[in-house]
C-alpha cells in the first residue's frame, strides 16, 4: 500500500504519523510506503531531537520515502550514501527511511513515480 502526505517540516508535524492520527499503520508492514512530498526536515542539524524522530520513524511498521523540499539541509542530506532503489537513485538514511532523489523514476508496487524539482 502507498500513502502520500505533504510536509512534515521535521519535528513540527512529524506527529501526524502517530498511531492515533494514522491508525491505518497498525496493519502495515515495511513493504508498505508513506511518501512525504517535500520538506521532510528531519535531517536539519544532526541534533539529538532530529535523531530521536528519525529513530522513532524508523521503528514504525511502514517504510518512509521522502522527496526533498526547499526546507532541507542539503549538506547533511547529500552526505548519506547513494543507492539504487526500485530503479532510481536514492539516499539511504536508515533501513526504512529513504530519500528519493529528484529526476529519478521509481517503480513502487508496479507504479512508476517520477520526481522532479520545480
PDB file of N, CA and C in Angstrom:
ATOM      1  N   UNK A   1       0.841  -1.161   0.000  1.00  0.00           N
ATOM      2  CA  UNK A   1       0.000   0.000   0.000  1.00  0.00           C
ATOM      3  C   UNK A   1       0.896   1.237   0.000  1.00  0.00           C
ATOM      4  N   UNK A   2       0.418   2.304  -0.623  1.00  0.00           N
ATOM      5  CA  UNK A   2       1.164   3.549  -0.721  1.00  0.00           C
ATOM      6  C   UNK A   2       0.301   4.678  -0.163  1.00  0.00           C
ATOM      7  N   UNK A   3       0.881   5.466   0.740  1.00  0.00           N
ATOM      8  CA  UNK A   3       0.246   6.667   1.265  1.00  0.00           C
ATOM      9  C   UNK A   3       1.135   7.840   0.893  1.00  0.00           C
ATOM     10  N   UNK A   4       0.541   8.966   0.532  1.00  0.00           N
ATOM     11  CA  UNK A   4       1.308  10.163   0.200  1.00  0.00           C
ATOM     12  C   UNK A   4       0.801  11.303   1.067  1.00  0.00           C
ATOM     13  N   UNK A   5       1.741  12.040   1.663  1.00  0.00           N
ATOM     14  CA  UNK A   5       1.376  13.175   2.507  1.00  0.00           C
ATOM     15  C   UNK A   5       2.256  14.366   2.163  1.00  0.00           C
ATOM     16  N   UNK A   6       1.872  15.517   2.652  1.00  0.00           N
ATOM     17  CA  UNK A   6       2.663  16.726   2.467  1.00  0.00           C
ATOM     18  C   UNK A   6       3.746  16.828   3.519  1.00  0.00           C
ATOM     19  N   UNK A   7       4.243  18.014   3.690  1.00  0.00           N
ATOM     20  CA  UNK A   7       5.387  18.322   4.543  1.00  0.00           C
ATOM     21  C   UNK A   7       5.249  17.771   5.965  1.00  0.00           C
ATOM     22  N   UNK A   8       6.401  17.406   6.519  1.00  0.00           N
ATOM     23  CA  UNK A   8       6.467  17.138   7.956  1.00  0.00           C
ATOM     24  C   UNK A   8       7.253  18.234   8.650  1.00  0.00           C
ATOM     25  N   UNK A   9       8.115  18.936   7.908  1.00  0.00           N
ATOM     26  CA  UNK A   9       8.926  20.025   8.477  1.00  0.00           C
ATOM     27  C   UNK A   9       9.577  19.618   9.789  1.00  0.00           C
ATOM     28  N   UNK A  10      10.214  18.450   9.766  1.00  0.00           N
ATOM     29  CA  UNK A  10      10.909  17.973  10.963  1.00  0.00           C
ATOM     30  C   UNK A  10       9.938  17.655  12.069  1.00  0.00           C
ATOM     31  N   UNK A  11      10.327  18.037  13.270  1.00  0.00           N
ATOM     32  CA  UNK A  11       9.504  17.710  14.436  1.00  0.00           C
ATOM     33  C   UNK A  11       8.229  18.542  14.514  1.00  0.00           C
ATOM     34  N   UNK A  12       8.064  19.539  13.652  1.00  0.00           N
ATOM     35  CA  UNK A  12       6.867  20.394  13.682  1.00  0.00           C
ATOM     36  C   UNK A  12       5.603  19.579  13.418  1.00  0.00           C
ATOM     37  N   UNK A  13       5.643  18.690  12.428  1.00  0.00           N
ATOM     38  CA  UNK A  13       4.426  17.966  12.045  1.00  0.00           C
ATOM     39  C   UNK A  13       4.636  16.458  11.946  1.00  0.00           C
ATOM     40  N   UNK A  14       5.725  15.939  12.501  1.00  0.00           N
ATOM     41  CA  UNK A  14       6.019  14.503  12.407  1.00  0.00           C
ATOM     42  C   UNK A  14       4.992  13.677  13.189  1.00  0.00           C
ATOM     43  N   UNK A  15       4.336  14.294  14.141  1.00  0.00           N
ATOM     44  CA  UNK A  15       3.365  13.564  14.962  1.00  0.00           C
ATOM     45  C   UNK A  15       2.144  13.102  14.175  1.00  0.00           C
ATOM     46  N   UNK A  16       2.009  13.565  12.925  1.00  0.00           N
ATOM     47  CA  UNK A  16       0.905  13.073  12.103  1.00  0.00           C
ATOM     48  C   UNK A  16       1.042  11.579  11.856  1.00  0.00           C
ATOM     49  N   UNK A  17       2.227  11.025  12.139  1.00  0.00           N
ATOM     50  CA  UNK A  17       2.465   9.598  11.956  1.00  0.00           C
ATOM     51  C   UNK A  17       2.270   8.793  13.238  1.00  0.00           C
ATOM     52  N   UNK A  18       1.750   9.416  14.297  1.00  0.00           N
ATOM     53  CA  UNK A  18       1.488   8.594  15.481  1.00  0.00           C
ATOM     54  C   UNK A  18       0.278   7.704  15.200  1.00  0.00           C
ATOM     55  N   UNK A  19       0.152   6.637  15.937  1.00  0.00           N
ATOM     56  CA  UNK A  19      -0.869   5.629  15.628  1.00  0.00           C
ATOM     57  C   UNK A  19      -2.291   6.127  15.865  1.00  0.00           C
ATOM     58  N   UNK A  20      -2.464   7.162  16.660  1.00  0.00           N
ATOM     59  CA  UNK A  20      -3.802   7.720  16.883  1.00  0.00           C
ATOM     60  C   UNK A  20      -4.274   8.500  15.657  1.00  0.00           C
ATOM     61  N   UNK A  21      -3.385   9.267  15.055  1.00  0.00           N
ATOM     62  CA  UNK A  21      -3.753  10.074  13.886  1.00  0.00           C
ATOM     63  C   UNK A  21      -3.697   9.271  12.588  1.00  0.00           C
ATOM     64  N   UNK A  22      -2.818   8.293  12.539  1.00  0.00           N
ATOM     65  CA  UNK A  22      -2.629   7.484  11.331  1.00  0.00           C
ATOM     66  C   UNK A  22      -2.840   6.022  11.723  1.00  0.00           C
ATOM     67  N   UNK A  23      -4.078   5.697  12.047  1.00  0.00           N
ATOM     68  CA  UNK A  23      -4.398   4.376  12.594  1.00  0.00           C
ATOM     69  C   UNK A  23      -4.209   3.254  11.580  1.00  0.00           C
ATOM     70  N   UNK A  24      -4.213   3.583  10.281  1.00  0.00           N
ATOM     71  CA  UNK A  24      -4.030   2.567   9.248  1.00  0.00           C
ATOM     72  C   UNK A  24      -2.691   1.835   9.386  1.00  0.00           C
ATOM     73  N   UNK A  25      -1.711   2.482  10.006  1.00  0.00           N
ATOM     74  CA  UNK A  25      -0.387   1.885  10.111  1.00  0.00           C
ATOM     75  C   UNK A  25      -0.373   0.590  10.917  1.00  0.00           C
ATOM     76  N   UNK A  26      -1.379   0.367  11.735  1.00  0.00           N
ATOM     77  CA  UNK A  26      -1.423  -0.852  12.545  1.00  0.00           C
ATOM     78  C   UNK A  26      -1.431  -2.108  11.688  1.00  0.00           C
ATOM     79  N   UNK A  27      -1.912  -1.992  10.455  1.00  0.00           N
ATOM     80  CA  UNK A  27      -1.999  -3.136   9.553  1.00  0.00           C
ATOM     81  C   UNK A  27      -0.922  -3.120   8.469  1.00  0.00           C
ATOM     82  N   UNK A  28       0.041  -2.206   8.567  1.00  0.00           N
ATOM     83  CA  UNK A  28       1.074  -2.076   7.540  1.00  0.00           C
ATOM     84  C   UNK A  28       2.316  -2.882   7.897  1.00  0.00           C
ATOM     85  N   UNK A  29       3.166  -3.070   6.889  1.00  0.00           N
ATOM     86  CA  UNK A  29       4.460  -3.723   7.079  1.00  0.00           C
ATOM     87  C   UNK A  29       5.525  -2.846   6.429  1.00  0.00           C
ATOM     88  N   UNK A  30       6.760  -3.228   6.569  1.00  0.00           N
ATOM     89  CA  UNK A  30       7.854  -2.477   5.946  1.00  0.00           C
ATOM     90  C   UNK A  30       7.756  -2.508   4.420  1.00  0.00           C
ATOM     91  N   UNK A  31       6.899  -3.365   3.869  1.00  0.00           N
ATOM     92  CA  UNK A  31       6.663  -3.405   2.422  1.00  0.00           C
ATOM     93  C   UNK A  31       5.630  -2.384   1.982  1.00  0.00           C
ATOM     94  N   UNK A  32       5.064  -1.636   2.925  1.00  0.00           N
ATOM     95  CA  UNK A  32       4.135  -0.558   2.634  1.00  0.00           C
ATOM     96  C   UNK A  32       4.881   0.768   2.771  1.00  0.00           C
ATOM     97  N   UNK A  33       4.413   1.788   2.046  1.00  0.00           N
ATOM     98  CA  UNK A  33       5.183   3.014   1.936  1.00  0.00           C
ATOM     99  C   UNK A  33       4.356   4.246   2.268  1.00  0.00           C
ATOM    100  N   UNK A  34       4.984   5.168   2.986  1.00  0.00           N
ATOM    101  CA  UNK A  34       4.452   6.503   3.184  1.00  0.00           C
ATOM    102  C   UNK A  34       5.448   7.448   2.522  1.00  0.00           C
ATOM    103  N   UNK A  35       4.960   8.223   1.550  1.00  0.00           N
ATOM    104  CA  UNK A  35       5.804   9.166   0.828  1.00  0.00           C
ATOM    105  C   UNK A  35       5.509  10.572   1.346  1.00  0.00           C
ATOM    106  N   UNK A  36       6.566  11.250   1.817  1.00  0.00           N
ATOM    107  CA  UNK A  36       6.463  12.639   2.240  1.00  0.00           C
ATOM    108  C   UNK A  36       6.884  13.492   1.052  1.00  0.00           C
ATOM    109  N   UNK A  37       5.938  14.276   0.534  1.00  0.00           N
ATOM    110  CA  UNK A  37       6.167  15.038  -0.691  1.00  0.00           C
ATOM    111  C   UNK A  37       6.746  16.420  -0.381  1.00  0.00           C
ATOM    112  N   UNK A  38       7.998  16.437   0.029  1.00  0.00           N
ATOM    113  CA  UNK A  38       8.716  17.692   0.258  1.00  0.00           C
ATOM    114  C   UNK A  38       8.770  18.114   1.706  1.00  0.00           C
ATOM    115  N   UNK A  39       9.802  18.897   2.020  1.00  0.00           N
ATOM    116  CA  UNK A  39      10.023  19.451   3.360  1.00  0.00           C
ATOM    117  C   UNK A  39       9.940  18.396   4.463  1.00  0.00           C
ATOM    118  N   UNK A  40      10.757  17.371   4.323  1.00  0.00           N
ATOM    119  CA  UNK A  40      10.854  16.309   5.325  1.00  0.00           C
ATOM    120  C   UNK A  40      11.409  16.877   6.629  1.00  0.00           C
ATOM    121  N   UNK A  41      12.574  17.501   6.575  1.00  0.00           N
ATOM    122  CA  UNK A  41      13.092  18.282   7.691  1.00  0.00           C
ATOM    123  C   UNK A  41      13.725  17.551   8.852  1.00  0.00           C
ATOM    124  N   UNK A  42      13.823  16.237   8.832  1.00  0.00           N
ATOM    125  CA  UNK A  42      14.425  15.532   9.967  1.00  0.00           C
ATOM    126  C   UNK A  42      15.932  15.364   9.838  1.00  0.00           C
ATOM    127  N   UNK A  43      16.505  15.935   8.810  1.00  0.00           N
ATOM    128  CA  UNK A  43      17.959  15.931   8.648  1.00  0.00           C
ATOM    129  C   UNK A  43      18.443  17.369   8.697  1.00  0.00           C
ATOM    130  N   UNK A  44      17.952  18.103   9.667  1.00  0.00           N
ATOM    131  CA  UNK A  44      18.187  19.532   9.695  1.00  0.00           C
ATOM    132  C   UNK A  44      19.535  19.910  10.286  1.00  0.00           C
ATOM    133  N   UNK A  45      19.831  19.419  11.497  1.00  0.00           N
ATOM    134  CA  UNK A  45      21.051  19.870  12.161  1.00  0.00           C
ATOM    135  C   UNK A  45      21.813  18.762  12.882  1.00  0.00           C
ATOM    136  N   UNK A  46      21.374  17.528  12.723  1.00  0.00           N
ATOM    137  CA  UNK A  46      22.059  16.413  13.395  1.00  0.00           C
ATOM    138  C   UNK A  46      21.859  16.401  14.902  1.00  0.00           C
ATOM    139  N   UNK A  47      20.880  17.150  15.385  1.00  0.00           N
ATOM    140  CA  UNK A  47      20.640  17.248  16.827  1.00  0.00           C
ATOM    141  C   UNK A  47      20.064  15.950  17.374  1.00  0.00           C
ATOM    142  N   UNK A  48      20.108  15.833  18.703  1.00  0.00           N
ATOM    143  CA  UNK A  48      19.507  14.674  19.358  1.00  0.00           C
ATOM    144  C   UNK A  48      18.019  14.596  19.061  1.00  0.00           C
ATOM    145  N   UNK A  49      17.365  15.753  18.974  1.00  0.00           N
ATOM    146  CA  UNK A  49      15.931  15.768  18.689  1.00  0.00           C
ATOM    147  C   UNK A  49      15.649  15.224  17.286  1.00  0.00           C
ATOM    148  N   UNK A  50      16.415  15.665  16.296  1.00  0.00           N
ATOM    149  CA  UNK A  50      16.232  15.152  14.928  1.00  0.00           C
ATOM    150  C   UNK A  50      16.509  13.645  14.891  1.00  0.00           C
ATOM    151  N   UNK A  51      17.567  13.216  15.556  1.00  0.00           N
ATOM    152  CA  UNK A  51      17.891  11.786  15.587  1.00  0.00           C
ATOM    153  C   UNK A  51      16.812  10.982  16.297  1.00  0.00           C
ATOM    154  N   UNK A  52      16.249  11.538  17.367  1.00  0.00           N
ATOM    155  CA  UNK A  52      15.156  10.861  18.066  1.00  0.00           C
ATOM    156  C   UNK A  52      14.004  10.585  17.101  1.00  0.00           C
ATOM    157  N   UNK A  53      13.580  11.613  16.341  1.00  0.00           N
ATOM    158  CA  UNK A  53      12.442  11.463  15.438  1.00  0.00           C
ATOM    159  C   UNK A  53      12.762  10.544  14.270  1.00  0.00           C
ATOM    160  N   UNK A  54      14.000  10.569  13.779  1.00  0.00           N
ATOM    161  CA  UNK A  54      14.398   9.616  12.726  1.00  0.00           C
ATOM    162  C   UNK A  54      14.292   8.186  13.234  1.00  0.00           C
ATOM    163  N   UNK A  55      14.775   7.941  14.449  1.00  0.00           N
ATOM    164  CA  UNK A  55      14.685   6.598  15.034  1.00  0.00           C
ATOM    165  C   UNK A  55      13.230   6.213  15.286  1.00  0.00           C
ATOM    166  N   UNK A  56      12.433   7.147  15.757  1.00  0.00           N
ATOM    167  CA  UNK A  56      11.006   6.899  16.002  1.00  0.00           C
ATOM    168  C   UNK A  56      10.314   6.497  14.708  1.00  0.00           C
ATOM    169  N   UNK A  57      10.601   7.234  13.639  1.00  0.00           N
ATOM    170  CA  UNK A  57      10.003   6.943  12.343  1.00  0.00           C
ATOM    171  C   UNK A  57      10.498   5.605  11.800  1.00  0.00           C
ATOM    172  N   UNK A  58      11.770   5.316  11.988  1.00  0.00           N
ATOM    173  CA  UNK A  58      12.346   4.043  11.517  1.00  0.00           C
ATOM    174  C   UNK A  58      11.712   2.840  12.203  1.00  0.00           C
ATOM    175  N   UNK A  59      11.237   3.027  13.419  1.00  0.00           N
ATOM    176  CA  UNK A  59      10.637   1.930  14.178  1.00  0.00           C
ATOM    177  C   UNK A  59       9.184   1.650  13.770  1.00  0.00           C
ATOM    178  N   UNK A  60       8.613   2.495  12.938  1.00  0.00           N
ATOM    179  CA  UNK A  60       7.226   2.301  12.504  1.00  0.00           C
ATOM    180  C   UNK A  60       7.102   1.055  11.627  1.00  0.00           C
ATOM    181  N   UNK A  61       5.876   0.583  11.444  1.00  0.00           N
ATOM    182  CA  UNK A  61       5.602  -0.627  10.668  1.00  0.00           C
ATOM    183  C   UNK A  61       5.808  -0.445   9.172  1.00  0.00           C
ATOM    184  N   UNK A  62       5.897   0.782   8.696  1.00  0.00           N
ATOM    185  CA  UNK A  62       5.987   1.078   7.276  1.00  0.00           C
ATOM    186  C   UNK A  62       7.374   1.614   6.925  1.00  0.00           C
ATOM    187  N   UNK A  63       7.626   1.761   5.628  1.00  0.00           N
ATOM    188  CA  UNK A  63       8.854   2.381   5.134  1.00  0.00           C
ATOM    189  C   UNK A  63       8.513   3.805   4.718  1.00  0.00           C
ATOM    190  N   UNK A  64       9.340   4.745   5.156  1.00  0.00           N
ATOM    191  CA  UNK A  64       9.140   6.153   4.832  1.00  0.00           C
ATOM    192  C   UNK A  64      10.040   6.542   3.670  1.00  0.00           C
ATOM    193  N   UNK A  65       9.426   7.117   2.652  1.00  0.00           N
ATOM    194  CA  UNK A  65      10.140   7.656   1.497  1.00  0.00           C
ATOM    195  C   UNK A  65       9.883   9.151   1.493  1.00  0.00           C
ATOM    196  N   UNK A  66      10.884   9.932   1.105  1.00  0.00           N
ATOM    197  CA  UNK A  66      10.627  11.367   1.027  1.00  0.00           C
ATOM    198  C   UNK A  66      11.368  12.009  -0.120  1.00  0.00           C
ATOM    199  N   UNK A  67      10.767  13.087  -0.596  1.00  0.00           N
ATOM    200  CA  UNK A  67      11.350  13.931  -1.623  1.00  0.00           C
ATOM    201  C   UNK A  67      11.763  15.209  -0.914  1.00  0.00           C
ATOM    202  N   UNK A  68      12.933  15.715  -1.256  1.00  0.00           N
ATOM    203  CA  UNK A  68      13.366  16.939  -0.599  1.00  0.00           C
ATOM    204  C   UNK A  68      12.503  18.120  -1.027  1.00  0.00           C
ATOM    205  N   UNK A  69      12.408  19.073  -0.114  1.00  0.00           N
ATOM    206  CA  UNK A  69      11.722  20.330  -0.391  1.00  0.00           C
ATOM    207  C   UNK A  69      12.713  21.472  -0.232  1.00  0.00           C
ATOM    208  N   UNK A  70      12.207  22.686  -0.160  1.00  0.00           N
ATOM    209  CA  UNK A  70      13.117  23.817  -0.007  1.00  0.00           C
ATOM    210  C   UNK A  70      13.576  24.009   1.432  1.00  0.00           C
ATOM    211  N   UNK A  71      12.957  23.307   2.382  1.00  0.00           N
ATOM    212  CA  UNK A  71      13.378  23.391   3.781  1.00  0.00           C
ATOM    213  C   UNK A  71      14.125  22.126   4.187  1.00  0.00           C
ATOM    214  N   UNK A  72      15.267  21.907   3.572  1.00  0.00           N
ATOM    215  CA  UNK A  72      16.130  20.763   3.891  1.00  0.00           C
ATOM    216  C   UNK A  72      17.552  21.272   4.107  1.00  0.00           C
ATOM    217  N   UNK A  73      18.323  20.525   4.842  1.00  0.00           N
ATOM    218  CA  UNK A  73      19.753  20.805   4.962  1.00  0.00           C
ATOM    219  C   UNK A  73      20.437  19.910   3.933  1.00  0.00           C
ATOM    220  N   UNK A  74      20.686  20.458   2.751  1.00  0.00           N
ATOM    221  CA  UNK A  74      21.205  19.658   1.643  1.00  0.00           C
ATOM    222  C   UNK A  74      22.624  19.169   1.899  1.00  0.00           C
ATOM    223  N   UNK A  75      23.385  19.874   2.696  1.00  0.00           N
ATOM    224  CA  UNK A  75      24.737  19.407   3.023  1.00  0.00           C
ATOM    225  C   UNK A  75      24.662  18.084   3.792  1.00  0.00           C
ATOM    226  N   UNK A  76      23.804  18.032   4.786  1.00  0.00           N
ATOM    227  CA  UNK A  76      23.625  16.780   5.544  1.00  0.00           C
ATOM    228  C   UNK A  76      22.981  15.722   4.664  1.00  0.00           C
ATOM    229  N   UNK A  77      21.927  16.079   3.951  1.00  0.00           N
ATOM    230  CA  UNK A  77      21.215  15.129   3.099  1.00  0.00           C
ATOM    231  C   UNK A  77      22.155  14.469   2.099  1.00  0.00           C
ATOM    232  N   UNK A  78      23.000  15.267   1.466  1.00  0.00           N
ATOM    233  CA  UNK A  78      23.902  14.729   0.449  1.00  0.00           C
ATOM    234  C   UNK A  78      25.099  13.986   1.023  1.00  0.00           C
ATOM    235  N   UNK A  79      25.234  13.951   2.337  1.00  0.00           N
ATOM    236  CA  UNK A  79      26.329  13.193   2.954  1.00  0.00           C
ATOM    237  C   UNK A  79      25.981  11.704   3.099  1.00  0.00           C
ATOM    238  N   UNK A  80      24.721  11.345   2.891  1.00  0.00           N
ATOM    239  CA  UNK A  80      24.295   9.949   3.001  1.00  0.00           C
ATOM    240  C   UNK A  80      24.650   9.188   1.728  1.00  0.00           C
ATOM    241  N   UNK A  81      24.875   7.872   1.862  1.00  0.00           N
ATOM    242  CA  UNK A  81      25.253   7.084   0.685  1.00  0.00           C
ATOM    243  C   UNK A  81      24.139   7.026  -0.356  1.00  0.00           C
ATOM    244  N   UNK A  82      24.538   7.088  -1.619  1.00  0.00           N
ATOM    245  CA  UNK A  82      23.596   6.963  -2.733  1.00  0.00           C
ATOM    246  C   UNK A  82      23.459   5.485  -3.067  1.00  0.00           C
ATOM    247  N   UNK A  83      22.220   5.038  -3.178  1.00  0.00           N
ATOM    248  CA  UNK A  83      21.930   3.653  -3.526  1.00  0.00           C
ATOM    249  C   UNK A  83      21.006   3.653  -4.748  1.00  0.00           C
ATOM    250  N   UNK A  84      20.882   2.524  -5.385  1.00  0.00           N
ATOM    251  CA  UNK A  84      19.845   2.332  -6.392  1.00  0.00           C
ATOM    252  C   UNK A  84      18.694   1.636  -5.688  1.00  0.00           C
ATOM    253  N   UNK A  85      17.536   2.268  -5.727  1.00  0.00           N
ATOM    254  CA  UNK A  85      16.370   1.726  -5.044  1.00  0.00           C
ATOM    255  C   UNK A  85      15.192   1.741  -6.016  1.00  0.00           C
ATOM    256  N   UNK A  86      14.633   0.588  -6.279  1.00  0.00           N
ATOM    257  CA  UNK A  86      13.464   0.443  -7.153  1.00  0.00           C
ATOM    258  C   UNK A  86      13.623   1.198  -8.473  1.00  0.00           C
ATOM    259  N   UNK A  87      14.832   1.153  -9.024  1.00  0.00           N
ATOM    260  CA  UNK A  87      15.091   1.706 -10.348  1.00  0.00           C
ATOM    261  C   UNK A  87      15.655   3.108 -10.392  1.00  0.00           C
ATOM    262  N   UNK A  88      15.734   3.789  -9.274  1.00  0.00           N
ATOM    263  CA  UNK A  88      16.241   5.157  -9.252  1.00  0.00           C
ATOM    264  C   UNK A  88      17.283   5.358  -8.171  1.00  0.00           C
ATOM    265  N   UNK A  89      17.926   6.515  -8.206  1.00  0.00           N
ATOM    266  CA  UNK A  89      18.940   6.843  -7.196  1.00  0.00           C
ATOM    267  C   UNK A  89      18.263   7.438  -5.976  1.00  0.00           C
ATOM    268  N   UNK A  90      18.768   7.018  -4.817  1.00  0.00           N
ATOM    269  CA  UNK A  90      18.196   7.461  -3.547  1.00  0.00           C
ATOM    270  C   UNK A  90      19.296   7.554  -2.510  1.00  0.00           C
ATOM    271  N   UNK A  91      19.031   8.271  -1.428  1.00  0.00           N
ATOM    272  CA  UNK A  91      19.929   8.294  -0.269  1.00  0.00           C
ATOM    273  C   UNK A  91      19.349   7.366   0.793  1.00  0.00           C
ATOM    274  N   UNK A  92      20.163   6.456   1.284  1.00  0.00           N
ATOM    275  CA  UNK A  92      19.758   5.549   2.363  1.00  0.00           C
ATOM    276  C   UNK A  92      19.996   6.272   3.685  1.00  0.00           C
ATOM    277  N   UNK A  93      18.933   6.709   4.338  1.00  0.00           N
ATOM    278  CA  UNK A  93      19.048   7.425   5.604  1.00  0.00           C
ATOM    279  C   UNK A  93      19.090   6.416   6.756  1.00  0.00           C
ATOM    280  N   UNK A  94      18.109   5.527   6.808  1.00  0.00           N
ATOM    281  CA  UNK A  94      18.101   4.396   7.740  1.00  0.00           C
ATOM    282  C   UNK A  94      17.595   3.202   6.933  1.00  0.00           C
ATOM    283  N   UNK A  95      17.442   2.064   7.587  1.00  0.00           N
ATOM    284  CA  UNK A  95      16.930   0.892   6.881  1.00  0.00           C
ATOM    285  C   UNK A  95      15.526   1.109   6.326  1.00  0.00           C
ATOM    286  N   UNK A  96      14.759   2.004   6.940  1.00  0.00           N
ATOM    287  CA  UNK A  96      13.389   2.203   6.465  1.00  0.00           C
ATOM    288  C   UNK A  96      13.021   3.672   6.272  1.00  0.00           C
ATOM    289  N   UNK A  97      14.024   4.532   6.116  1.00  0.00           N
ATOM    290  CA  UNK A  97      13.815   5.924   5.719  1.00  0.00           C
ATOM    291  C   UNK A  97      14.730   6.178   4.532  1.00  0.00           C
ATOM    292  N   UNK A  98      14.122   6.530   3.392  1.00  0.00           N
ATOM    293  CA  UNK A  98      14.869   6.660   2.141  1.00  0.00           C
ATOM    294  C   UNK A  98      14.501   7.974   1.464  1.00  0.00           C
ATOM    295  N   UNK A  99      15.528   8.719   1.059  1.00  0.00           N
ATOM    296  CA  UNK A  99      15.327   9.956   0.315  1.00  0.00           C
ATOM    297  C   UNK A  99      15.335   9.642  -1.172  1.00  0.00           C
ATOM    298  N   UNK A 100      14.231   9.914  -1.856  1.00  0.00           N
ATOM    299  CA  UNK A 100      14.116   9.685  -3.289  1.00  0.00           C
ATOM    300  C   UNK A 100      14.653  10.921  -4.007  1.00  0.00           C
ATOM    301  N   UNK A 101      15.715  10.742  -4.776  1.00  0.00           N
ATOM    302  CA  UNK A 101      16.365  11.873  -5.425  1.00  0.00           C
ATOM    303  C   UNK A 101      15.540  12.365  -6.615  1.00  0.00           C
ATOM    304  N   UNK A 102      15.567  13.646  -6.811  1.00  0.00           N
ATOM    305  CA  UNK A 102      14.812  14.278  -7.896  1.00  0.00           C
ATOM    306  C   UNK A 102      15.380  13.868  -9.251  1.00  0.00           C
ATOM    307  N   UNK A 103      14.494  13.849 -10.258  1.00  0.00           N
ATOM    308  CA  UNK A 103      14.894  13.496 -11.611  1.00  0.00           C
ATOM    309  C   UNK A 103      14.987  12.001 -11.841  1.00  0.00           C
ATOM    310  N   UNK A 104      14.502  11.224 -10.902  1.00  0.00           N
ATOM    311  CA  UNK A 104      14.567   9.769 -10.975  1.00  0.00           C
ATOM    312  C   UNK A 104      13.165   9.181 -11.140  1.00  0.00           C
ATOM    313  N   UNK A 105      13.115   7.994 -11.725  1.00  0.00           N
ATOM    314  CA  UNK A 105      11.869   7.238 -11.827  1.00  0.00           C
ATOM    315  C   UNK A 105      11.994   6.033 -10.905  1.00  0.00           C
ATOM    316  N   UNK A 106      11.021   5.855 -10.047  1.00  0.00           N
ATOM    317  CA  UNK A 106      10.990   4.731  -9.112  1.00  0.00           C
ATOM    318  C   UNK A 106       9.751   3.893  -9.408  1.00  0.00           C
ATOM    319  N   UNK A 107       9.911   2.590  -9.372  1.00  0.00           N
ATOM    320  CA  UNK A 107       8.785   1.678  -9.532  1.00  0.00           C
ATOM    321  C   UNK A 107       8.405   1.196  -8.142  1.00  0.00           C
ATOM    322  N   UNK A 108       7.212   1.575  -7.716  1.00  0.00           N
ATOM    323  CA  UNK A 108       6.733   1.227  -6.373  1.00  0.00           C
ATOM    324  C   UNK A 108       5.387   0.545  -6.538  1.00  0.00           C
ATOM    325  N   UNK A 109       5.324  -0.709  -6.135  1.00  0.00           N
ATOM    326  CA  UNK A 109       4.106  -1.516  -6.247  1.00  0.00           C
ATOM    327  C   UNK A 109       3.543  -1.498  -7.670  1.00  0.00           C
ATOM    328  N   UNK A 110       4.430  -1.555  -8.643  1.00  0.00           N
ATOM    329  CA  UNK A 110       4.019  -1.624 -10.040  1.00  0.00           C
ATOM    330  C   UNK A 110       3.694  -0.292 -10.687  1.00  0.00           C
ATOM    331  N   UNK A 111       3.770   0.797  -9.936  1.00  0.00           N
ATOM    332  CA  UNK A 111       3.507   2.132 -10.464  1.00  0.00           C
ATOM    333  C   UNK A 111       4.822   2.875 -10.653  1.00  0.00           C
ATOM    334  N   UNK A 112       4.896   3.655 -11.723  1.00  0.00           N
ATOM    335  CA  UNK A 112       6.068   4.492 -11.964  1.00  0.00           C
ATOM    336  C   UNK A 112       5.837   5.869 -11.332  1.00  0.00           C
ATOM    337  N   UNK A 113       6.793   6.296 -10.532  1.00  0.00           N
ATOM    338  CA  UNK A 113       6.748   7.620  -9.923  1.00  0.00           C
ATOM    339  C   UNK A 113       7.972   8.392 -10.398  1.00  0.00           C
ATOM    340  N   UNK A 114       7.742   9.595 -10.899  1.00  0.00           N
ATOM    341  CA  UNK A 114       8.817  10.468 -11.345  1.00  0.00           C
ATOM    342  C   UNK A 114       8.797  11.710 -10.481  1.00  0.00           C
ATOM    343  N   UNK A 115       9.944  12.015  -9.875  1.00  0.00           N
ATOM    344  CA  UNK A 115      10.045  13.182  -9.003  1.00  0.00           C
ATOM    345  C   UNK A 115      11.003  14.194  -9.625  1.00  0.00           C
ATOM    346  N   UNK A 116      10.579  15.448  -9.694  1.00  0.00           N
ATOM    347  CA  UNK A 116      11.411  16.484 -10.297  1.00  0.00           C
ATOM    348  C   UNK A 116      11.374  17.727  -9.410  1.00  0.00           C
ATOM    349  N   UNK A 117      12.242  18.624  -9.713  1.00  0.00           N
ATOM    350  CA  UNK A 117      12.321  19.884  -8.977  1.00  0.00           C
ATOM    351  C   UNK A 117      11.664  20.970  -9.819  1.00  0.00           C
ATOM    352  N   UNK A 118      10.754  21.707  -9.215  1.00  0.00           N
ATOM    353  CA  UNK A 118      10.066  22.795  -9.932  1.00  0.00           C
ATOM    354  C   UNK A 118      10.910  24.049  -9.948  1.00  0.00           C
TER     355      UNK A 118
END
